[in-house]
Amino acid sequence: MLVYDPLTNPLNQIEWAFGALECIHIASFAVAIGSIAMVDFRLMGLGLKNLRSSDLLRTTTFWTLGGLTTAITSGLLLFSTDPERYSRNEVFRLKLICLVIAIIYNYTVHRMVARRGSAGAGVIAGAMSLLLWVPVIFGGLFYAFT
């Protein structure tokens, strides 16, 4: 039976590797969630009023997808440093559940409302999107301290 030993992981052996990857992880989440939040604020009528939500969505799609892809990839690599510890942590599990729900919401309801530009539904969709991303952000912060 093959057993994974975290001590063999280069991220645990090279002094600066984990920290550097964590910086990439946080920065990529900032790009992804920041680009989503721009659309959310536009949907709620709080910013970038000179752009239609559909145009803003189209403009930010590359950054959102690139940020999410990088954040998830770097997150999986970070997870590989001690999968048993991450798996046992309730805050980490909550973060993953919220991440999956937020991504599904972003690429279904949020995207549909942004494309249509509906004012009433936009306020609700934008606020709901922001609320879904908050536990993802704080879950990562709280995990570091539990």
Foldseek 3Di string as FASTA:
>chain_A
DDDDDLCPQVCNVDPCNLVVLVVQLVVLVCQQVVLLLVLLCVLQVNDPVVDQLQVSCVVSVVSNVRSVVSNVVSVVSNCSNPVVLLVPDPLSVVLVVLVVVLVVLCVPVVNVCSNVRDNVSSNVSSVVSVVSCVSNVVSVVVVVVD
